[in-house]
Amino acid sequence: MFSYFEYELMKIHRSIQMRTNENTIFKFIHLSLLFNEMKGSINFVFVLFVANPLFGSHYRGSMISWKIVNSTSTSAVVELLQRHTWHYYAAICNDTDIAQGIRKMGSGNLNCILSCPSNTTYLTSVGMPCAAYNIPENYTSSEGRVRITLPLNWTLTAAFQGAAWFVLAQGGGNWSAAVQINTFRRTDGQFNQAPIVTMLPIIRLRRNQTYDIRINVADNDFDSYQCFWSQFRYECGGVCMAVPATTVLNSTTCMLKFTPPKIGYYAIALTVVDYETITSTIALSRVPIQFLFKIWESNDTCTTAPVYLGDARPDECIYVEPGQVLIVRILIRVQCPNATLDNIIAVYPIGFTKSPIVLDPYDSNVNVFMVNYTARVEQIGQNLFCFAGVDSIGNQGDTTCLRFTVQQGITSMNTLYLSNATRYPMGSVSKSQSTWTLIYPNGTTFSRPSTSASIRFKYLSTQQDILIIDVVTSTASADYQSDRLVITTNIVFIPGQSFYISFDPGVFLPISTCLRNSMGITDPNFWLFSIPSEITTTESTTVSTLLTTPSTTTRSRTVFDFFSNNI
């Protein structure tokens, strides 16, 4: 006699064998887990998991980027940034795993496949710490950094490959995500940083509607870049351009126009290429990005998706120092009548945590949660936190990305900093110095921003501010001329102290642009000066007394000794 659980499991198993949808499979998993807990066995779930192609195909997409962090005369240390997405039940993760950052998700290796150095195939594992999970959409995301050493002046291609994709609306079979790495110096003498691409693991789209999907790219060298379909088998495996013929990719704007004709999943495989200049034809790197479109339909006619509200504007740079903690409020409004917020699909860089979602007490259609971000020194550059709300009908909002830009003083890419722009006075300066001039490099000019940003005079020893000039409101103190910025102060600096001038992000270009000249300049050595020590009135009196009234006794003894030694 079969129990209720055994009877239900057998019914659902038969449905799975007939290729029903994932909701049926989720039901099977939950019932199986409960049944196995009662029976003290995991065999039934395990047998189905490895036998069913949907579960055996645990891969859901990847992004692999890199930068060079150190070098010698013969080798370079390359830091690889890997993000991979997996079937949730093949890589079960929870909040504790994320907080600890120890438990690694996924399996497989990143191997060199083209132009490999001698005796080099294996580069690193793809198993990375869990960064996020989403049970309704059935995925776990992992993210991590690992360093490898490669020969200097070398270009190679590495790939993560496996078998096989789960059932897709088009294409399928083996997967392959390939990254091209080079250890040559650029013409500017620097090593390259490959682009970082951040896409939601799953983007829900309604059947027969047309969407414009933006590919979210951050290039921390501020190079020009383009987005292409991955075309080589080693770049995309069985999903090379596995999309409807009506799909259009604008390689320059990195916008994808997509009209899904049928229900199911499409795997999108793209390659982002960066160039040192806008006229360059030789790629500095090739970065893979693979993610899923989930196509669905509903009898509910409301197609108005949830919309992001919030304190930070989309794509605005949010500058942060390593170790600094930021808290940002996220608000999402549900727009369809009688619908509620059902899910948040997001990409959380390492260091992010999210609070529970609550309703706005003044508007029941608005959902609120907080994200906490603790910046890490290895994350210097742009780190995109991307998210979208999904309502109870199934409508997914447009992807919103906030660019958390980690910056240290010596890592600024601002043109004025990199070109060592002329500034004076420097070194030893009068305590009453009042005019400070920064001359722009040839061909560069800046105008006064419209959003508040400050020039700061700071103590070198404590880094505390001694004077803050808001360049928007203090027009007399910050004079933006065609070829220079002239700063005027009216304070007396303390003798014997050293100071430096610091520029907040946004002093030269609005931070919303997220361009190199929107970055601040906070390196104390950029504009360092010191005030000579002065002798105080007490010290002056003491010295004067010693010089004008020497000891008579000492003078007599000295004279006597001199003559006695010479008799």
Protein backbone atom coordinates (compact mmCIF):
# COMPACT_ATOMS: atom_id res chain seq x y z
CA MET A 1 0.00 0.00 0.00
CA PHE A 2 1.41 3.38 -1.04
CA SER A 3 1.29 6.34 1.30
CA TYR A 4 -0.20 9.68 0.21
CA PHE A 5 3.26 11.14 -0.39
CA GLU A 6 4.39 8.15 -2.44
CA TYR A 7 1.24 8.30 -4.53
CA GLU A 8 1.62 12.04 -5.19
CA LEU A 9 5.31 11.68 -6.04
CA MET A 10 4.65 8.96 -8.59
CA LYS A 11 1.97 11.10 -10.27
CA ILE A 12 4.27 14.11 -10.51
CA HIS A 13 7.17 12.00 -11.70
CA ARG A 14 5.05 10.77 -14.59
CA SER A 15 4.19 14.40 -15.40
CA ILE A 16 7.86 15.36 -15.42
CA GLN A 17 8.65 12.54 -17.81
CA MET A 18 6.04 14.09 -20.11
CA ARG A 19 8.01 17.42 -19.98
CA THR A 20 5.64 19.53 -17.94
CA ASN A 21 6.74 22.91 -16.60
CA GLU A 22 9.10 23.70 -13.74
CA ASN A 23 6.27 24.48 -11.29
CA THR A 24 5.37 20.80 -11.38
CA ILE A 25 9.00 19.95 -10.75
CA PHE A 26 9.18 22.37 -7.81
CA LYS A 27 6.17 20.62 -6.31
CA PHE A 28 7.93 17.30 -6.75
CA ILE A 29 11.06 18.59 -5.03
CA HIS A 30 9.19 19.95 -2.01
CA LEU A 31 7.15 16.79 -1.60
CA SER A 32 10.28 14.68 -2.08
CA LEU A 33 12.20 16.55 0.57
CA LEU A 34 9.37 16.12 3.03
CA PHE A 35 8.92 12.45 2.13
CA ASN A 36 12.66 11.75 2.40
CA GLU A 37 12.84 13.49 5.74
CA MET A 38 10.12 11.17 6.96
CA LYS A 39 11.80 8.09 5.43
CA GLY A 40 15.35 9.09 6.27
CA SER A 41 16.41 8.69 2.65
CA ILE A 42 17.46 10.89 -0.25
CA ASN A 43 17.70 8.20 -2.88
CA PHE A 44 14.42 8.90 -4.68
CA VAL A 45 15.22 12.59 -5.20
CA PHE A 46 18.77 11.83 -6.24
CA VAL A 47 17.74 9.26 -8.83
CA LEU A 48 15.26 11.65 -10.41
CA PHE A 49 17.74 14.55 -10.27
CA VAL A 50 20.46 12.81 -12.25
CA ALA A 51 18.01 11.09 -14.60
CA ASN A 52 16.00 14.16 -15.56
CA PRO A 53 17.72 16.50 -18.06
CA LEU A 54 16.25 19.64 -16.52
CA PHE A 55 17.93 18.97 -13.17
CA GLY A 56 21.09 17.44 -14.60
CA SER A 57 21.54 20.64 -16.64
CA HIS A 58 22.34 22.93 -13.77
CA TYR A 59 24.06 25.71 -15.73
CA ARG A 60 22.24 29.05 -16.16
CA GLY A 61 24.88 31.51 -17.47
CA SER A 62 28.20 33.24 -16.77
CA MET A 63 30.23 36.43 -16.82
CA ILE A 64 34.04 36.28 -16.63
CA SER A 65 36.19 39.42 -16.47
CA TRP A 66 39.76 40.24 -15.41
CA LYS A 67 42.34 42.86 -14.53
CA ILE A 68 46.08 42.82 -13.90
CA VAL A 69 47.00 43.67 -10.33
CA ASN A 70 50.78 43.14 -10.32
CA SER A 71 53.66 42.28 -12.62
CA THR A 72 57.34 41.46 -12.86
CA SER A 73 59.65 41.65 -15.85
CA THR A 74 58.42 38.24 -17.03
CA SER A 75 54.97 37.61 -15.54
CA ALA A 76 51.69 39.24 -14.61
CA VAL A 77 49.26 38.52 -11.78
CA VAL A 78 45.77 38.44 -13.27
CA GLU A 79 42.71 38.75 -11.05
CA LEU A 80 39.72 36.92 -12.52
CA LEU A 81 36.20 38.01 -11.59
CA GLN A 82 33.71 35.21 -12.12
CA ARG A 83 29.92 35.22 -11.86
CA HIS A 84 27.98 32.05 -12.56
CA THR A 85 24.31 31.16 -12.23
CA TRP A 86 23.07 27.67 -11.36
CA HIS A 87 19.86 25.74 -10.96
CA TYR A 88 18.82 26.46 -7.36
CA TYR A 89 18.30 22.84 -6.35
CA ALA A 90 21.74 21.95 -7.70
CA ALA A 91 23.37 24.75 -5.67
CA ILE A 92 21.18 25.38 -2.66
CA CYS A 93 22.20 28.54 -0.81
CA ASN A 94 20.88 30.59 2.11
CA ASP A 95 21.53 33.92 3.83
CA THR A 96 24.03 32.37 6.22
CA ASP A 97 26.09 31.05 3.31
CA ILE A 98 26.12 34.51 1.75
CA ALA A 99 27.13 36.22 5.00
CA GLN A 100 29.97 33.77 5.65
CA GLY A 101 31.21 33.87 2.05
CA ILE A 102 32.82 30.44 2.37
CA ARG A 103 30.54 27.84 0.80
CA LYS A 104 31.22 27.62 -2.93
CA MET A 105 28.59 26.98 -5.56
CA GLY A 106 28.94 25.04 -8.81
CA SER A 107 31.60 22.83 -10.28
CA GLY A 108 33.93 22.78 -13.25
CA ASN A 109 37.09 24.53 -14.38
CA LEU A 110 38.18 27.50 -16.41
CA ASN A 111 40.70 26.08 -18.86
CA CYS A 112 42.98 27.65 -21.45
CA ILE A 113 41.85 26.58 -24.93
CA LEU A 114 43.67 28.91 -27.38
CA SER A 115 47.25 30.29 -27.48
CA CYS A 116 48.07 28.64 -24.17
CA PRO A 117 51.44 29.12 -22.47
CA SER A 118 53.61 26.03 -22.28
CA ASN A 119 52.18 23.28 -20.05
CA THR A 120 49.17 25.45 -19.14
CA THR A 121 45.62 24.21 -19.47
CA TYR A 122 43.90 24.48 -16.10
CA LEU A 123 43.62 28.05 -14.81
CA THR A 124 41.17 27.89 -11.90
CA SER A 125 37.94 26.38 -10.61
CA VAL A 126 34.61 28.06 -11.35
CA GLY A 127 33.32 27.23 -7.88
CA MET A 128 32.72 30.63 -6.25
CA PRO A 129 30.99 31.77 -3.03
CA CYS A 130 27.21 32.13 -3.09
CA ALA A 131 26.16 35.76 -3.71
CA ALA A 132 22.38 35.47 -4.16
CA TYR A 133 19.53 33.03 -4.65
CA ASN A 134 15.96 33.23 -5.90
CA ILE A 135 13.67 30.30 -5.19
CA PRO A 136 10.66 31.47 -7.29
CA GLU A 137 12.90 31.84 -10.35
CA ASN A 138 14.93 28.77 -9.41
CA TYR A 139 18.51 30.07 -9.50
CA THR A 140 21.58 30.58 -7.33
CA SER A 141 24.28 33.10 -8.26
CA SER A 142 27.92 32.82 -7.26
CA GLU A 143 30.63 35.45 -7.46
CA GLY A 144 34.29 35.55 -6.56
CA ARG A 145 37.79 36.68 -7.44
CA VAL A 146 40.86 34.52 -7.85
CA ARG A 147 44.41 35.39 -8.91
CA ILE A 148 46.51 33.50 -11.41
CA THR A 149 49.99 34.15 -12.84
CA LEU A 150 50.53 34.30 -16.60
CA PRO A 151 53.54 35.18 -18.77
CA LEU A 152 53.97 38.84 -19.61
CA ASN A 153 53.11 39.97 -23.16
CA TRP A 154 50.74 37.09 -23.84
CA THR A 155 47.19 36.76 -25.19
CA LEU A 156 45.13 33.64 -24.50
CA THR A 157 41.54 32.45 -24.49
CA ALA A 158 40.06 30.49 -21.59
CA ALA A 159 36.64 28.85 -21.43
CA PHE A 160 34.24 27.23 -19.00
CA GLN A 161 32.59 24.37 -20.86
CA GLY A 162 30.14 21.63 -19.98
CA ALA A 163 27.10 19.64 -21.02
CA ALA A 164 24.34 20.46 -21.34
CA TRP A 165 21.77 23.26 -21.41
CA PHE A 166 18.29 22.38 -20.16
CA VAL A 167 15.40 22.44 -22.65
CA LEU A 168 15.36 25.80 -24.47
CA ALA A 169 12.94 27.35 -26.95
CA GLN A 170 15.80 27.49 -29.43
CA GLY A 171 19.29 25.98 -29.45
CA GLY A 172 20.76 23.96 -26.61
CA GLY A 173 23.29 21.22 -26.10
CA ASN A 174 26.72 21.97 -24.62
CA TRP A 175 27.58 25.29 -23.00
CA SER A 176 30.78 27.31 -23.39
CA ALA A 177 31.67 30.77 -22.06
CA ALA A 178 35.06 32.11 -23.19
CA VAL A 179 37.16 35.08 -22.04
CA GLN A 180 40.19 36.55 -23.81
CA ILE A 181 43.02 37.77 -21.56
CA ASN A 182 46.08 39.77 -22.56
CA THR A 183 49.08 40.77 -20.45
CA PHE A 184 50.48 43.43 -22.76
CA ARG A 185 50.80 47.04 -21.65
CA ARG A 186 48.60 49.55 -23.39
CA THR A 187 50.07 52.46 -25.32
CA ASP A 188 49.48 54.63 -22.23
CA GLY A 189 51.84 52.34 -20.29
CA GLN A 190 49.09 50.81 -18.14
CA PHE A 191 47.71 47.29 -18.06
CA ASN A 192 44.14 46.78 -19.19
CA GLN A 193 41.05 46.16 -17.09
CA ALA A 194 38.45 44.17 -18.99
CA PRO A 195 34.81 45.35 -18.93
CA ILE A 196 32.45 44.02 -16.27
CA VAL A 197 28.99 43.11 -17.56
CA THR A 198 26.06 42.84 -15.16
CA MET A 199 22.80 41.30 -16.35
CA LEU A 200 19.96 39.79 -14.34
CA PRO A 201 20.20 35.99 -14.47
CA ILE A 202 16.60 35.80 -15.70
CA ILE A 203 14.56 38.47 -17.47
CA ARG A 204 10.84 37.73 -17.73
CA LEU A 205 9.21 38.78 -21.01
CA ARG A 206 5.64 38.38 -22.24
CA ARG A 207 5.12 36.46 -25.44
CA ASN A 208 4.68 38.52 -28.64
CA GLN A 209 5.64 41.84 -27.02
CA THR A 210 8.69 43.80 -28.17
CA TYR A 211 11.35 44.78 -25.63
CA ASP A 212 14.47 46.90 -25.69
CA ILE A 213 17.00 45.31 -23.35
CA ARG A 214 20.09 47.24 -22.30
CA ILE A 215 23.36 45.36 -21.77
CA ASN A 216 24.83 46.87 -18.60
CA VAL A 217 28.59 47.42 -18.99
CA ALA A 218 31.17 49.07 -16.74
CA ASP A 219 34.66 49.70 -18.12
CA ASN A 220 36.94 51.02 -15.40
CA ASP A 221 39.52 52.23 -17.92
CA PHE A 222 36.71 54.23 -19.55
CA ASP A 223 37.54 52.56 -22.86
CA SER A 224 35.11 52.43 -25.76
CA TYR A 225 33.38 49.06 -25.99
CA GLN A 226 30.95 47.18 -28.20
CA CYS A 227 28.58 44.25 -27.72
CA PHE A 228 28.50 41.40 -30.24
CA TRP A 229 26.75 38.08 -30.60
CA SER A 230 29.06 35.31 -29.48
CA GLN A 231 29.69 33.40 -32.71
CA PHE A 232 32.50 30.90 -32.20
CA ARG A 233 31.51 27.53 -30.75
CA TYR A 234 34.04 27.95 -27.95
CA GLU A 235 32.34 31.23 -27.01
CA CYS A 236 28.74 30.06 -26.95
CA GLY A 237 28.48 26.28 -27.33
CA GLY A 238 24.99 25.30 -28.45
CA VAL A 239 23.36 28.72 -28.00
CA CYS A 240 25.21 30.80 -30.61
CA MET A 241 22.60 33.33 -31.77
CA ALA A 242 19.87 30.96 -30.60
CA VAL A 243 17.17 33.64 -30.92
CA PRO A 244 14.33 34.49 -33.32
CA ALA A 245 15.40 36.01 -36.64
CA THR A 246 13.68 39.29 -35.74
CA THR A 247 16.11 39.91 -32.86
CA VAL A 248 18.40 42.92 -33.37
CA LEU A 249 21.56 43.77 -31.43
CA ASN A 250 22.97 47.29 -31.75
CA SER A 251 26.65 46.65 -31.11
CA THR A 252 27.48 50.33 -30.50
CA THR A 253 24.72 51.17 -28.02
CA CYS A 254 24.60 47.63 -26.58
CA MET A 255 20.81 47.55 -26.91
CA LEU A 256 18.99 44.32 -27.74
CA LYS A 257 15.54 44.41 -29.39
CA PHE A 258 13.67 41.17 -28.78
CA THR A 259 10.18 39.90 -29.63
CA PRO A 260 9.61 36.41 -28.19
CA PRO A 261 7.31 34.26 -30.32
CA LYS A 262 6.74 31.35 -27.93
CA ILE A 263 6.76 30.35 -24.29
CA GLY A 264 9.93 28.92 -22.84
CA TYR A 265 13.52 29.93 -22.17
CA TYR A 266 16.03 31.56 -24.53
CA ALA A 267 19.72 31.61 -23.68
CA ILE A 268 21.41 34.87 -24.69
CA ALA A 269 25.16 34.62 -25.37
CA LEU A 270 26.99 37.90 -26.01
CA THR A 271 30.62 39.02 -26.03
CA VAL A 272 31.68 42.52 -24.92
CA VAL A 273 34.87 43.85 -26.52
CA ASP A 274 36.84 46.92 -25.38
CA TYR A 275 39.24 49.11 -27.37
CA GLU A 276 41.88 51.57 -26.20
CA THR A 277 40.54 54.37 -28.43
CA ILE A 278 37.40 54.90 -30.47
CA THR A 279 39.40 54.36 -33.67
CA SER A 280 41.17 51.18 -32.51
CA THR A 281 40.38 47.94 -34.32
CA ILE A 282 42.36 45.58 -32.06
CA ALA A 283 40.43 44.33 -29.04
CA LEU A 284 41.98 44.59 -25.60
CA SER A 285 39.78 41.83 -24.22
CA ARG A 286 36.68 39.73 -24.92
CA VAL A 287 34.26 39.19 -22.03
CA PRO A 288 31.35 36.70 -22.13
CA ILE A 289 27.90 37.39 -20.74
CA GLN A 290 25.24 34.66 -20.84
CA PHE A 291 21.79 34.92 -19.26
CA LEU A 292 18.18 33.79 -19.78
CA PHE A 293 14.97 35.24 -21.15
CA LYS A 294 11.96 33.54 -19.60
CA ILE A 295 8.94 33.89 -21.90
CA TRP A 296 5.48 33.64 -20.37
CA GLU A 297 1.90 34.73 -21.01
CA SER A 298 -1.18 35.46 -18.93
CA ASN A 299 -4.90 36.01 -19.32
CA ASP A 300 -4.53 39.15 -17.24
CA THR A 301 -4.51 42.08 -19.66
CA CYS A 302 -2.55 44.46 -17.44
CA THR A 303 1.02 44.65 -18.75
CA THR A 304 2.19 47.71 -16.78
CA ALA A 305 5.27 46.49 -14.95
CA PRO A 306 6.53 47.55 -11.51
CA VAL A 307 8.63 50.69 -11.56
CA TYR A 308 11.64 51.72 -9.48
CA LEU A 309 11.44 54.72 -7.20
CA GLY A 310 14.21 55.54 -4.79
CA ASP A 311 16.78 57.89 -3.38
CA ALA A 312 19.46 57.20 -6.01
CA ARG A 313 18.91 57.81 -9.71
CA PRO A 314 19.42 54.84 -12.04
CA ASP A 315 22.99 54.50 -13.33
CA GLU A 316 24.23 57.27 -11.05
CA CYS A 317 27.70 56.72 -9.62
CA ILE A 318 27.68 56.31 -5.85
CA TYR A 319 31.24 56.85 -4.64
CA VAL A 320 32.52 54.91 -1.66
CA GLU A 321 35.86 54.23 0.04
CA PRO A 322 37.03 50.69 0.90
CA GLY A 323 35.63 49.74 4.29
CA GLN A 324 32.90 52.35 4.12
CA VAL A 325 29.33 51.14 4.66
CA LEU A 326 26.49 52.60 2.57
CA ILE A 327 22.77 52.10 3.09
CA VAL A 328 20.49 52.81 0.14
CA ARG A 329 16.71 52.76 0.16
CA ILE A 330 14.95 50.99 -2.71
CA LEU A 331 11.29 51.64 -3.49
CA ILE A 332 9.29 49.70 -6.09
CA ARG A 333 5.76 50.64 -7.06
CA VAL A 334 3.35 47.98 -8.32
CA GLN A 335 1.20 49.53 -11.05
CA CYS A 336 -1.36 46.89 -12.05
CA PRO A 337 -4.67 47.03 -10.11
CA ASN A 338 -5.05 44.33 -7.48
CA ALA A 339 -1.47 43.10 -8.03
CA THR A 340 1.23 42.88 -5.38
CA LEU A 341 5.01 42.64 -5.46
CA ASP A 342 5.84 38.97 -5.80
CA ASN A 343 9.62 38.86 -6.26
CA ILE A 344 12.85 40.81 -6.68
CA ILE A 345 15.31 39.54 -9.28
CA ALA A 346 18.74 41.02 -8.61
CA VAL A 347 22.50 40.78 -8.96
CA TYR A 348 24.22 41.49 -5.65
CA PRO A 349 27.98 42.07 -5.78
CA ILE A 350 29.88 40.59 -2.85
CA GLY A 351 29.42 42.78 0.23
CA PHE A 352 25.68 43.41 -0.26
CA THR A 353 22.91 42.45 2.11
CA LYS A 354 19.19 43.18 1.76
CA SER A 355 16.57 43.87 4.41
CA PRO A 356 13.08 42.33 4.35
CA ILE A 357 10.56 44.04 2.06
CA VAL A 358 7.84 46.11 3.75
CA LEU A 359 4.93 48.17 2.47
CA ASP A 360 5.17 51.94 2.55
CA PRO A 361 2.81 53.02 5.37
CA TYR A 362 1.51 55.89 3.20
CA ASP A 363 1.08 53.97 -0.08
CA SER A 364 0.23 50.27 -0.14
CA ASN A 365 1.38 50.01 -3.77
CA VAL A 366 4.95 50.95 -2.84
CA ASN A 367 7.33 48.33 -1.46
CA VAL A 368 10.45 49.35 0.44
CA PHE A 369 13.68 47.58 1.32
CA MET A 370 17.21 48.63 2.20
CA VAL A 371 20.49 47.41 0.76
CA ASN A 372 23.68 47.60 2.81
CA TYR A 373 26.99 47.64 0.99
CA THR A 374 30.41 47.30 2.62
CA ALA A 375 33.00 48.24 0.00
CA ARG A 376 36.12 46.13 -0.39
CA VAL A 377 39.52 47.16 -1.67
CA GLU A 378 39.50 44.43 -4.33
CA GLN A 379 36.32 46.00 -5.73
CA ILE A 380 37.97 49.27 -6.76
CA GLY A 381 36.04 50.54 -9.76
CA GLN A 382 32.36 50.26 -10.64
CA ASN A 383 30.24 47.56 -9.01
CA LEU A 384 26.74 47.38 -10.46
CA PHE A 385 23.84 46.45 -8.22
CA CYS A 386 21.05 45.62 -10.69
CA PHE A 387 17.48 44.63 -9.83
CA ALA A 388 13.88 44.50 -11.07
CA GLY A 389 10.55 43.90 -9.39
CA VAL A 390 8.08 41.20 -10.47
CA ASP A 391 4.39 41.57 -9.66
CA SER A 392 1.94 38.79 -8.82
CA ILE A 393 0.70 38.72 -12.42
CA GLY A 394 4.23 38.01 -13.63
CA ASN A 395 5.17 41.41 -15.10
CA GLN A 396 8.85 42.25 -14.58
CA GLY A 397 10.00 45.87 -14.44
CA ASP A 398 12.88 47.33 -16.38
CA THR A 399 16.30 46.54 -14.95
CA THR A 400 17.64 49.30 -12.73
CA CYS A 401 21.37 49.51 -11.97
CA LEU A 402 23.12 51.58 -9.31
CA ARG A 403 26.87 52.02 -9.86
CA PHE A 404 28.70 51.73 -6.55
CA THR A 405 32.15 53.06 -7.43
CA VAL A 406 34.91 52.13 -5.01
CA GLN A 407 37.77 54.63 -5.11
CA GLN A 408 41.00 55.17 -3.21
CA GLY A 409 43.11 58.30 -3.54
CA ILE A 410 45.74 56.66 -5.72
CA THR A 411 43.21 54.94 -8.01
CA SER A 412 41.52 58.02 -9.48
CA MET A 413 41.17 57.94 -13.26
CA ASN A 414 40.44 61.69 -13.40
CA THR A 415 42.31 63.30 -16.31
CA LEU A 416 43.77 65.97 -14.04
CA TYR A 417 45.21 63.34 -11.73
CA LEU A 418 46.56 61.02 -14.43
CA SER A 419 48.16 63.89 -16.38
CA ASN A 420 49.65 65.42 -13.23
CA ALA A 421 48.03 68.76 -14.09
CA THR A 422 49.88 71.93 -13.10
CA ARG A 423 48.89 73.30 -9.69
CA TYR A 424 50.47 76.00 -7.58
CA PRO A 425 51.57 76.93 -5.04
CA MET A 426 52.88 73.68 -3.59
CA GLY A 427 55.62 72.80 -1.10
CA SER A 428 56.40 75.52 1.45
CA VAL A 429 53.65 78.15 1.44
CA SER A 430 52.91 81.32 3.40
CA LYS A 431 50.35 80.95 6.16
CA SER A 432 48.25 83.70 4.55
CA GLN A 433 48.34 82.28 1.01
CA SER A 434 44.95 82.96 -0.56
CA THR A 435 45.12 82.10 -4.29
CA TRP A 436 45.45 78.54 -5.60
CA THR A 437 45.53 77.70 -9.30
CA LEU A 438 44.93 74.42 -11.15
CA ILE A 439 45.74 74.57 -14.87
CA TYR A 440 43.94 72.06 -17.09
CA PRO A 441 45.82 69.94 -19.65
CA ASN A 442 45.70 71.19 -23.23
CA GLY A 443 42.33 70.68 -24.85
CA THR A 444 40.54 70.16 -21.52
CA THR A 445 38.06 72.53 -19.94
CA PHE A 446 35.42 72.32 -17.21
CA SER A 447 32.44 74.42 -16.21
CA ARG A 448 30.75 74.88 -12.88
CA PRO A 449 28.55 71.89 -11.99
CA SER A 450 24.90 72.30 -11.04
CA THR A 451 24.95 69.64 -8.32
CA SER A 452 26.65 70.34 -5.00
CA ALA A 453 30.30 69.20 -4.79
CA SER A 454 33.15 70.49 -2.64
CA ILE A 455 36.82 71.41 -2.70
CA ARG A 456 38.37 70.59 0.66
CA PHE A 457 41.48 71.86 2.41
CA LYS A 458 42.52 69.13 4.82
CA TYR A 459 45.09 68.46 7.56
CA LEU A 460 47.60 65.90 6.32
CA SER A 461 48.03 64.33 9.76
CA THR A 462 44.34 63.74 10.56
CA GLN A 463 42.66 64.19 7.15
CA GLN A 464 40.14 66.47 8.85
CA ASP A 465 38.69 69.36 6.88
CA ILE A 466 39.95 72.85 7.69
CA LEU A 467 37.96 74.53 4.90
CA ILE A 468 35.13 73.34 2.62
CA ILE A 469 34.19 75.22 -0.55
CA ASP A 470 30.94 74.24 -2.25
CA VAL A 471 31.66 74.98 -5.91
CA VAL A 472 27.99 75.58 -6.70
CA THR A 473 27.26 78.17 -4.04
CA SER A 474 30.74 79.65 -3.46
CA THR A 475 31.17 81.19 -6.90
CA ALA A 476 33.72 83.75 -5.70
CA SER A 477 35.91 81.08 -4.10
CA ALA A 478 35.87 78.68 -7.09
CA ASP A 479 36.39 80.47 -10.38
CA TYR A 480 35.97 78.13 -13.38
CA GLN A 481 37.95 79.69 -16.22
CA SER A 482 38.42 78.26 -19.72
CA ASP A 483 41.85 76.79 -18.98
CA ARG A 484 42.05 76.71 -15.20
CA LEU A 485 40.30 76.61 -11.86
CA VAL A 486 41.26 79.43 -9.48
CA ILE A 487 40.50 78.86 -5.79
CA THR A 488 40.41 81.75 -3.31
CA THR A 489 40.68 81.29 0.46
CA ASN A 490 40.54 83.76 3.34
CA ILE A 491 41.95 81.79 6.25
CA VAL A 492 45.30 81.76 8.02
CA PHE A 493 46.92 78.34 8.02
CA ILE A 494 48.60 77.06 11.17
CA PRO A 495 52.40 77.31 11.03
CA GLY A 496 54.27 74.03 11.32
CA GLN A 497 51.41 72.01 9.79
CA SER A 498 51.02 70.25 6.44
CA PHE A 499 47.83 70.37 4.38
CA TYR A 500 46.46 69.13 1.08
CA ILE A 501 43.63 70.05 -1.30
CA SER A 502 41.04 67.37 -2.10
CA PHE A 503 38.31 67.39 -4.76
CA ASP A 504 35.02 65.59 -4.24
CA PRO A 505 33.48 63.53 -7.05
CA GLY A 506 31.46 65.91 -9.20
CA VAL A 507 33.70 68.98 -8.92
CA PHE A 508 34.73 68.73 -12.57
CA LEU A 509 31.94 66.65 -14.13
CA PRO A 510 28.55 65.57 -12.71
CA ILE A 511 28.75 62.24 -10.90
CA SER A 512 25.63 61.10 -12.76
CA THR A 513 27.75 60.71 -15.91
CA CYS A 514 29.96 58.03 -14.31
CA LEU A 515 32.85 59.18 -16.50
CA ARG A 516 36.53 59.50 -15.58
CA ASN A 517 36.33 63.25 -14.86
CA SER A 518 33.39 62.80 -12.53
CA MET A 519 35.78 61.00 -10.18
CA GLY A 520 37.25 62.86 -7.24
CA ILE A 521 40.92 63.51 -6.53
CA THR A 522 41.66 62.58 -2.93
CA ASP A 523 45.33 61.55 -3.03
CA PRO A 524 47.12 63.80 -0.46
CA ASN A 525 50.21 63.90 -2.67
CA PHE A 526 48.34 65.49 -5.57
CA TRP A 527 48.29 68.95 -3.98
CA LEU A 528 50.36 68.94 -0.82
CA PHE A 529 51.72 72.03 0.93
CA SER A 530 53.16 72.95 4.31
CA ILE A 531 53.40 76.11 6.40
CA PRO A 532 56.85 76.94 7.86
CA SER A 533 57.14 76.96 11.63
CA GLU A 534 57.33 80.33 13.36
CA ILE A 535 59.07 81.32 16.59
CA THR A 536 56.48 82.32 19.17
CA THR A 537 56.77 85.52 21.29
CA THR A 538 57.89 83.55 24.37
CA GLU A 539 60.48 81.64 22.39
CA SER A 540 61.70 84.88 20.79
CA THR A 541 62.14 86.58 24.19
CA THR A 542 64.03 83.62 25.59
CA VAL A 543 66.39 83.44 22.62
CA SER A 544 66.94 87.21 22.71
CA THR A 545 67.79 87.10 26.42
CA LEU A 546 70.29 84.30 25.90
CA LEU A 547 71.96 86.17 23.09
CA THR A 548 72.17 89.58 24.79
CA THR A 549 72.85 88.62 28.45
CA PRO A 550 75.22 85.65 28.54
CA SER A 551 76.41 84.28 31.89
CA THR A 552 79.38 86.33 33.25
CA THR A 553 80.59 83.39 35.29
CA THR A 554 80.71 81.16 32.23
CA ARG A 555 82.52 83.79 30.19
CA SER A 556 85.22 84.28 32.89
CA ARG A 557 85.77 80.55 33.28
CA THR A 558 86.12 80.14 29.57
CA VAL A 559 88.68 82.93 29.29
CA PHE A 560 90.67 81.60 32.23
CA ASP A 561 90.75 78.09 30.86
CA PHE A 562 91.87 79.36 27.50
CA PHE A 563 94.83 81.32 28.84
CA SER A 564 95.83 78.70 31.38
CA ASN A 565 95.96 76.07 28.67
CA ASN A 566 98.27 78.25 26.63
CA ILE A 567 100.83 79.29 29.31
